[in-house]
Amino acid sequence: MTTFDIPLFDIYEFFGTLLNANVTDPKASTRKGKWIFPDFTTATSNLPQITITYNDISYENHSAGNYFREELVSPTVYKQYYYRMASTTVNIYVLTSKAGEWAVTVNGTARKFTNKLFNIYLTNLTKDVLLKKRGDVLGIFDEFNIENVEFAFEANKYTWSSQIKCPLVFKDIWCDEYTDGELIASYSMTTTTT
């Protein structure tokens, strides 16, 4: 699929990389390290933060025997790929502090946002990136869209949160690899001669 060849990791990796490359960390000048995570922060000093989660995954078979494709890697290595269609909802949370003031530029005009307004601003940037880069997402996944955006609700007494819900469908692919006669041996074990 992408980096790990483990779809459940690749969802985090793909969307984290996409957002990190296209939404500037508001604390980039002072923060060392990442600001997009697969879990929620426990310290207000880590805000603002983007958190990526996904719901339980449901599977559906689309082909007989789940067959996807085959590949002869070398004269002695043969691979058979199988898949099931998987669907989930990716949830992207934008978390911002209730304290603090942020200088931003909107349409060439310098502005200062505090409280909910900064959360709405950062959520809108994130949503716009997801829409503009939808073609890139569909190059990796089979279906993707923004279903709903819930703006600036109170996550706790220190934090505003917004949620972007994105249905996602992809192929969960796995592979059987055979070397030097293993495939013939595998087929022979399932055949009964009379």
C-alpha atoms as a PDB file:
ATOM      1  CA  MET A   1       0.000   0.000   0.000  1.00  0.00           C
ATOM      2  CA  THR A   2       2.488   2.679   1.075  1.00  0.00           C
ATOM      3  CA  THR A   3       5.335   2.601   3.575  1.00  0.00           C
ATOM      4  CA  PHE A   4       4.884  -0.327   5.949  1.00  0.00           C
ATOM      5  CA  ASP A   5       2.829  -2.655   3.722  1.00  0.00           C
ATOM      6  CA  ILE A   6       0.577  -2.940   6.771  1.00  0.00           C
ATOM      7  CA  PRO A   7      -2.609  -1.025   5.861  1.00  0.00           C
ATOM      8  CA  LEU A   8      -3.537  -0.226   9.456  1.00  0.00           C
ATOM      9  CA  PHE A   9      -0.191   1.574   9.956  1.00  0.00           C
ATOM     10  CA  ASP A  10      -0.205   3.051   6.471  1.00  0.00           C
ATOM     11  CA  ILE A  11      -3.418   5.012   7.135  1.00  0.00           C
ATOM     12  CA  TYR A  12      -1.636   6.945   9.889  1.00  0.00           C
ATOM     13  CA  GLU A  13       1.573   7.308   7.900  1.00  0.00           C
ATOM     14  CA  PHE A  14      -0.098   8.471   4.689  1.00  0.00           C
ATOM     15  CA  PHE A  15      -2.423  11.077   6.211  1.00  0.00           C
ATOM     16  CA  GLY A  16       0.179  12.246   8.748  1.00  0.00           C
ATOM     17  CA  THR A  17       2.741  12.793   5.974  1.00  0.00           C
ATOM     18  CA  LEU A  18       0.171  14.484   3.703  1.00  0.00           C
ATOM     19  CA  LEU A  19      -0.955  16.940   6.379  1.00  0.00           C
ATOM     20  CA  ASN A  20       2.543  17.578   7.726  1.00  0.00           C
ATOM     21  CA  ALA A  21       3.762  18.500   4.223  1.00  0.00           C
ATOM     22  CA  ASN A  22       0.836  20.826   3.487  1.00  0.00           C
ATOM     23  CA  VAL A  23      -0.272  22.400   6.793  1.00  0.00           C
ATOM     24  CA  THR A  24       2.389  24.441   8.562  1.00  0.00           C
ATOM     25  CA  ASP A  25       2.858  23.680  12.240  1.00  0.00           C
ATOM     26  CA  PRO A  26       1.868  26.909  14.058  1.00  0.00           C
ATOM     27  CA  LYS A  27       4.677  26.262  16.574  1.00  0.00           C
ATOM     28  CA  ALA A  28       7.287  25.242  13.967  1.00  0.00           C
ATOM     29  CA  SER A  29       9.761  27.861  15.187  1.00  0.00           C
ATOM     30  CA  THR A  30       9.711  26.592  18.797  1.00  0.00           C
ATOM     31  CA  ARG A  31       8.617  22.957  18.617  1.00  0.00           C
ATOM     32  CA  LYS A  32      11.119  20.186  18.078  1.00  0.00           C
ATOM     33  CA  GLY A  33       9.569  17.155  16.403  1.00  0.00           C
ATOM     34  CA  LYS A  34       6.135  16.175  15.163  1.00  0.00           C
ATOM     35  CA  TRP A  35       2.752  17.770  15.739  1.00  0.00           C
ATOM     36  CA  ILE A  36       0.563  15.135  14.025  1.00  0.00           C
ATOM     37  CA  PHE A  37      -0.066  11.939  16.015  1.00  0.00           C
ATOM     38  CA  PRO A  38      -2.270   8.823  16.091  1.00  0.00           C
ATOM     39  CA  ASP A  39      -3.264   9.595  19.694  1.00  0.00           C
ATOM     40  CA  PHE A  40      -4.419  12.532  21.801  1.00  0.00           C
ATOM     41  CA  THR A  41      -2.080  14.761  23.759  1.00  0.00           C
ATOM     42  CA  THR A  42      -1.987  14.659  27.538  1.00  0.00           C
ATOM     43  CA  ALA A  43      -0.200  18.020  27.935  1.00  0.00           C
ATOM     44  CA  THR A  44      -1.555  21.422  26.915  1.00  0.00           C
ATOM     45  CA  SER A  45       1.996  22.459  25.995  1.00  0.00           C
ATOM     46  CA  ASN A  46       1.751  20.132  22.959  1.00  0.00           C
ATOM     47  CA  LEU A  47      -1.136  22.136  21.482  1.00  0.00           C
ATOM     48  CA  PRO A  48      -1.929  22.825  18.707  1.00  0.00           C
ATOM     49  CA  GLN A  49      -1.934  19.229  17.471  1.00  0.00           C
ATOM     50  CA  ILE A  50      -3.606  17.169  14.779  1.00  0.00           C
ATOM     51  CA  THR A  51      -4.695  13.676  15.802  1.00  0.00           C
ATOM     52  CA  ILE A  52      -5.562  10.987  13.248  1.00  0.00           C
ATOM     53  CA  THR A  53      -7.703   8.013  14.281  1.00  0.00           C
ATOM     54  CA  TYR A  54      -9.920   5.573  12.431  1.00  0.00           C
ATOM     55  CA  ASN A  55     -12.977   3.520  13.298  1.00  0.00           C
ATOM     56  CA  ASP A  56     -13.245  -0.249  13.276  1.00  0.00           C
ATOM     57  CA  ILE A  57     -12.616  -1.681   9.831  1.00  0.00           C
ATOM     58  CA  SER A  58     -15.212  -3.767   8.014  1.00  0.00           C
ATOM     59  CA  TYR A  59     -14.236  -6.200   5.271  1.00  0.00           C
ATOM     60  CA  GLU A  60     -15.977  -7.445   2.162  1.00  0.00           C
ATOM     61  CA  ASN A  61     -14.847 -10.109  -0.298  1.00  0.00           C
ATOM     62  CA  HIS A  62     -14.839  -8.928  -3.919  1.00  0.00           C
ATOM     63  CA  SER A  63     -13.320 -11.821  -5.832  1.00  0.00           C
ATOM     64  CA  ALA A  64     -13.431 -15.596  -5.861  1.00  0.00           C
ATOM     65  CA  GLY A  65     -10.786 -16.845  -3.464  1.00  0.00           C
ATOM     66  CA  ASN A  66      -9.841 -13.215  -2.743  1.00  0.00           C
ATOM     67  CA  TYR A  67      -7.403 -13.400  -5.695  1.00  0.00           C
ATOM     68  CA  PHE A  68      -5.733 -10.122  -6.681  1.00  0.00           C
ATOM     69  CA  ARG A  69      -2.681 -10.827  -8.882  1.00  0.00           C
ATOM     70  CA  GLU A  70       0.469 -12.897  -9.237  1.00  0.00           C
ATOM     71  CA  GLU A  71       4.084 -12.090  -9.905  1.00  0.00           C
ATOM     72  CA  LEU A  72       7.193 -14.034 -10.887  1.00  0.00           C
ATOM     73  CA  VAL A  73       9.903 -12.175  -8.968  1.00  0.00           C
ATOM     74  CA  SER A  74      12.765 -14.369 -10.198  1.00  0.00           C
ATOM     75  CA  PRO A  75      13.039 -17.819 -11.797  1.00  0.00           C
ATOM     76  CA  THR A  76      12.787 -19.330  -8.303  1.00  0.00           C
ATOM     77  CA  VAL A  77      10.412 -16.925  -6.481  1.00  0.00           C
ATOM     78  CA  TYR A  78       6.674 -16.687  -7.252  1.00  0.00           C
ATOM     79  CA  LYS A  79       4.173 -14.504  -5.368  1.00  0.00           C
ATOM     80  CA  GLN A  80       0.370 -14.668  -5.239  1.00  0.00           C
ATOM     81  CA  TYR A  81      -1.477 -11.625  -3.889  1.00  0.00           C
ATOM     82  CA  TYR A  82      -4.920 -11.705  -2.294  1.00  0.00           C
ATOM     83  CA  TYR A  83      -7.180  -8.949  -0.999  1.00  0.00           C
ATOM     84  CA  ARG A  84     -10.406  -7.980   0.708  1.00  0.00           C
ATOM     85  CA  MET A  85     -12.028  -4.583   0.386  1.00  0.00           C
ATOM     86  CA  ALA A  86     -11.778  -2.721   3.678  1.00  0.00           C
ATOM     87  CA  SER A  87     -13.755   0.318   4.755  1.00  0.00           C
ATOM     88  CA  THR A  88     -13.407   2.643   7.716  1.00  0.00           C
ATOM     89  CA  THR A  89     -13.858   6.276   8.690  1.00  0.00           C
ATOM     90  CA  VAL A  90     -10.715   8.318   9.233  1.00  0.00           C
ATOM     91  CA  ASN A  91     -11.209  10.968  11.914  1.00  0.00           C
ATOM     92  CA  ILE A  92      -8.898  13.960  11.876  1.00  0.00           C
ATOM     93  CA  TYR A  93      -9.054  16.048  15.051  1.00  0.00           C
ATOM     94  CA  VAL A  94      -7.613  19.554  15.201  1.00  0.00           C
ATOM     95  CA  LEU A  95      -6.805  20.393  18.819  1.00  0.00           C
ATOM     96  CA  THR A  96      -5.968  23.925  19.940  1.00  0.00           C
ATOM     97  CA  SER A  97      -5.498  25.618  23.283  1.00  0.00           C
ATOM     98  CA  LYS A  98      -8.148  27.938  24.691  1.00  0.00           C
ATOM     99  CA  ALA A  99      -5.335  30.273  25.747  1.00  0.00           C
ATOM    100  CA  GLY A 100      -2.969  32.153  23.475  1.00  0.00           C
ATOM    101  CA  GLU A 101      -3.089  34.353  20.442  1.00  0.00           C
ATOM    102  CA  TRP A 102      -1.921  33.340  16.963  1.00  0.00           C
ATOM    103  CA  ALA A 103      -0.800  35.636  14.162  1.00  0.00           C
ATOM    104  CA  VAL A 104      -1.951  34.306  10.778  1.00  0.00           C
ATOM    105  CA  THR A 105      -2.269  35.622   7.244  1.00  0.00           C
ATOM    106  CA  VAL A 106      -5.648  35.280   5.536  1.00  0.00           C
ATOM    107  CA  ASN A 107      -5.833  36.349   1.878  1.00  0.00           C
ATOM    108  CA  GLY A 108      -2.747  38.528   2.317  1.00  0.00           C
ATOM    109  CA  THR A 109      -4.082  40.235   5.457  1.00  0.00           C
ATOM    110  CA  ALA A 110      -2.359  39.735   8.832  1.00  0.00           C
ATOM    111  CA  ARG A 111      -4.816  38.779  11.577  1.00  0.00           C
ATOM    112  CA  LYS A 112      -4.688  37.612  15.165  1.00  0.00           C
ATOM    113  CA  PHE A 113      -6.909  34.727  16.228  1.00  0.00           C
ATOM    114  CA  THR A 114      -7.635  33.461  19.717  1.00  0.00           C
ATOM    115  CA  ASN A 115      -9.853  30.828  21.243  1.00  0.00           C
ATOM    116  CA  LYS A 116     -12.339  29.134  18.865  1.00  0.00           C
ATOM    117  CA  LEU A 117     -11.397  31.294  15.877  1.00  0.00           C
ATOM    118  CA  PHE A 118      -7.890  29.838  15.714  1.00  0.00           C
ATOM    119  CA  ASN A 119      -9.301  26.310  15.893  1.00  0.00           C
ATOM    120  CA  ILE A 120     -11.731  27.072  13.054  1.00  0.00           C
ATOM    121  CA  TYR A 121      -8.909  28.622  11.005  1.00  0.00           C
ATOM    122  CA  LEU A 122      -6.602  25.593  11.452  1.00  0.00           C
ATOM    123  CA  THR A 123      -9.449  23.138  10.793  1.00  0.00           C
ATOM    124  CA  ASN A 124     -10.341  24.946   7.584  1.00  0.00           C
ATOM    125  CA  LEU A 125      -6.687  24.750   6.405  1.00  0.00           C
ATOM    126  CA  THR A 126      -6.687  21.011   7.126  1.00  0.00           C
ATOM    127  CA  LYS A 127      -9.997  20.458   5.321  1.00  0.00           C
ATOM    128  CA  ASP A 128      -8.771  22.417   2.290  1.00  0.00           C
ATOM    129  CA  VAL A 129      -5.614  20.292   2.058  1.00  0.00           C
ATOM    130  CA  LEU A 130      -7.679  17.089   2.160  1.00  0.00           C
ATOM    131  CA  LEU A 131      -9.901  18.377  -0.656  1.00  0.00           C
ATOM    132  CA  LYS A 132      -7.033  19.706  -2.798  1.00  0.00           C
ATOM    133  CA  LYS A 133      -4.994  16.519  -2.362  1.00  0.00           C
ATOM    134  CA  ARG A 134      -7.939  14.153  -2.873  1.00  0.00           C
ATOM    135  CA  GLY A 135      -6.379  12.978  -6.152  1.00  0.00           C
ATOM    136  CA  ASP A 136      -3.207  11.970  -4.286  1.00  0.00           C
ATOM    137  CA  VAL A 137      -5.292  10.064  -1.733  1.00  0.00           C
ATOM    138  CA  LEU A 138      -7.170   8.249  -4.499  1.00  0.00           C
ATOM    139  CA  GLY A 139      -3.830   7.232  -6.005  1.00  0.00           C
ATOM    140  CA  ILE A 140      -3.279   5.053  -2.903  1.00  0.00           C
ATOM    141  CA  PHE A 141      -6.785   4.294  -1.616  1.00  0.00           C
ATOM    142  CA  ASP A 142      -9.899   3.293  -3.570  1.00  0.00           C
ATOM    143  CA  GLU A 143     -12.478   5.757  -2.173  1.00  0.00           C
ATOM    144  CA  PHE A 144     -12.069   8.888  -0.047  1.00  0.00           C
ATOM    145  CA  ASN A 145     -14.180  11.934   0.703  1.00  0.00           C
ATOM    146  CA  ILE A 146     -15.025  14.362   3.489  1.00  0.00           C
ATOM    147  CA  GLU A 147     -18.312  13.324   5.049  1.00  0.00           C
ATOM    148  CA  ASN A 148     -18.630  15.875   7.840  1.00  0.00           C
ATOM    149  CA  VAL A 149     -16.766  18.671   9.625  1.00  0.00           C
ATOM    150  CA  GLU A 150     -17.700  19.448  13.225  1.00  0.00           C
ATOM    151  CA  PHE A 151     -16.174  22.793  14.213  1.00  0.00           C
ATOM    152  CA  ALA A 152     -14.798  23.874  17.591  1.00  0.00           C
ATOM    153  CA  PHE A 153     -16.339  21.869  20.390  1.00  0.00           C
ATOM    154  CA  GLU A 154     -14.929  21.746  23.904  1.00  0.00           C
ATOM    155  CA  ALA A 155     -12.656  18.699  24.317  1.00  0.00           C
ATOM    156  CA  ASN A 156     -11.752  19.597  27.911  1.00  0.00           C
ATOM    157  CA  LYS A 157     -11.370  22.789  29.960  1.00  0.00           C
ATOM    158  CA  TYR A 158      -8.087  23.627  28.167  1.00  0.00           C
ATOM    159  CA  THR A 159      -8.777  22.479  24.620  1.00  0.00           C
ATOM    160  CA  TRP A 160     -10.943  23.235  21.589  1.00  0.00           C
ATOM    161  CA  SER A 161     -11.332  20.408  19.131  1.00  0.00           C
ATOM    162  CA  SER A 162     -12.749  20.060  15.627  1.00  0.00           C
ATOM    163  CA  GLN A 163     -13.377  16.781  13.848  1.00  0.00           C
ATOM    164  CA  ILE A 164     -13.177  15.990  10.130  1.00  0.00           C
ATOM    165  CA  LYS A 165     -14.779  12.627   9.231  1.00  0.00           C
ATOM    166  CA  CYS A 166     -13.555  10.960   6.042  1.00  0.00           C
ATOM    167  CA  PRO A 167     -14.914   7.615   4.781  1.00  0.00           C
ATOM    168  CA  LEU A 168     -12.080   5.533   3.330  1.00  0.00           C
ATOM    169  CA  VAL A 169     -12.144   2.333   1.242  1.00  0.00           C
ATOM    170  CA  PHE A 170      -9.007   0.405   0.324  1.00  0.00           C
ATOM    171  CA  LYS A 171      -7.713  -3.033  -0.613  1.00  0.00           C
ATOM    172  CA  ASP A 172      -6.262  -4.953   2.336  1.00  0.00           C
ATOM    173  CA  ILE A 173      -3.648  -6.989   0.426  1.00  0.00           C
ATOM    174  CA  TRP A 174      -1.609  -9.954   1.604  1.00  0.00           C
ATOM    175  CA  CYS A 175       0.854 -12.199  -0.189  1.00  0.00           C
ATOM    176  CA  ASP A 176       1.902 -15.860  -0.336  1.00  0.00           C
ATOM    177  CA  GLU A 177       5.462 -16.342  -1.537  1.00  0.00           C
ATOM    178  CA  TYR A 178       6.752 -19.612  -2.973  1.00  0.00           C
ATOM    179  CA  THR A 179      10.324 -20.607  -3.788  1.00  0.00           C
ATOM    180  CA  ASP A 180      11.777 -23.528  -5.752  1.00  0.00           C
ATOM    181  CA  GLY A 181       8.925 -26.047  -5.991  1.00  0.00           C
ATOM    182  CA  GLU A 182       6.909 -24.918  -2.941  1.00  0.00           C
ATOM    183  CA  LEU A 183       3.955 -23.931  -5.133  1.00  0.00           C
ATOM    184  CA  ILE A 184       3.791 -27.391  -6.735  1.00  0.00           C
ATOM    185  CA  ALA A 185       4.056 -28.984  -3.298  1.00  0.00           C
ATOM    186  CA  SER A 186       1.254 -26.724  -2.035  1.00  0.00           C
ATOM    187  CA  TYR A 187      -1.040 -27.666  -4.940  1.00  0.00           C
ATOM    188  CA  SER A 188      -0.142 -31.360  -4.585  1.00  0.00           C
ATOM    189  CA  MET A 189      -1.246 -31.376  -0.951  1.00  0.00           C
ATOM    190  CA  THR A 190      -4.744 -30.210  -1.916  1.00  0.00           C
ATOM    191  CA  THR A 191      -5.225 -32.681  -4.794  1.00  0.00           C
ATOM    192  CA  THR A 192      -6.585 -36.197  -4.244  1.00  0.00           C
ATOM    193  CA  THR A 193      -5.980 -38.777  -6.952  1.00  0.00           C
ATOM    194  CA  THR A 194      -8.247 -41.811  -7.368  1.00  0.00           C
END
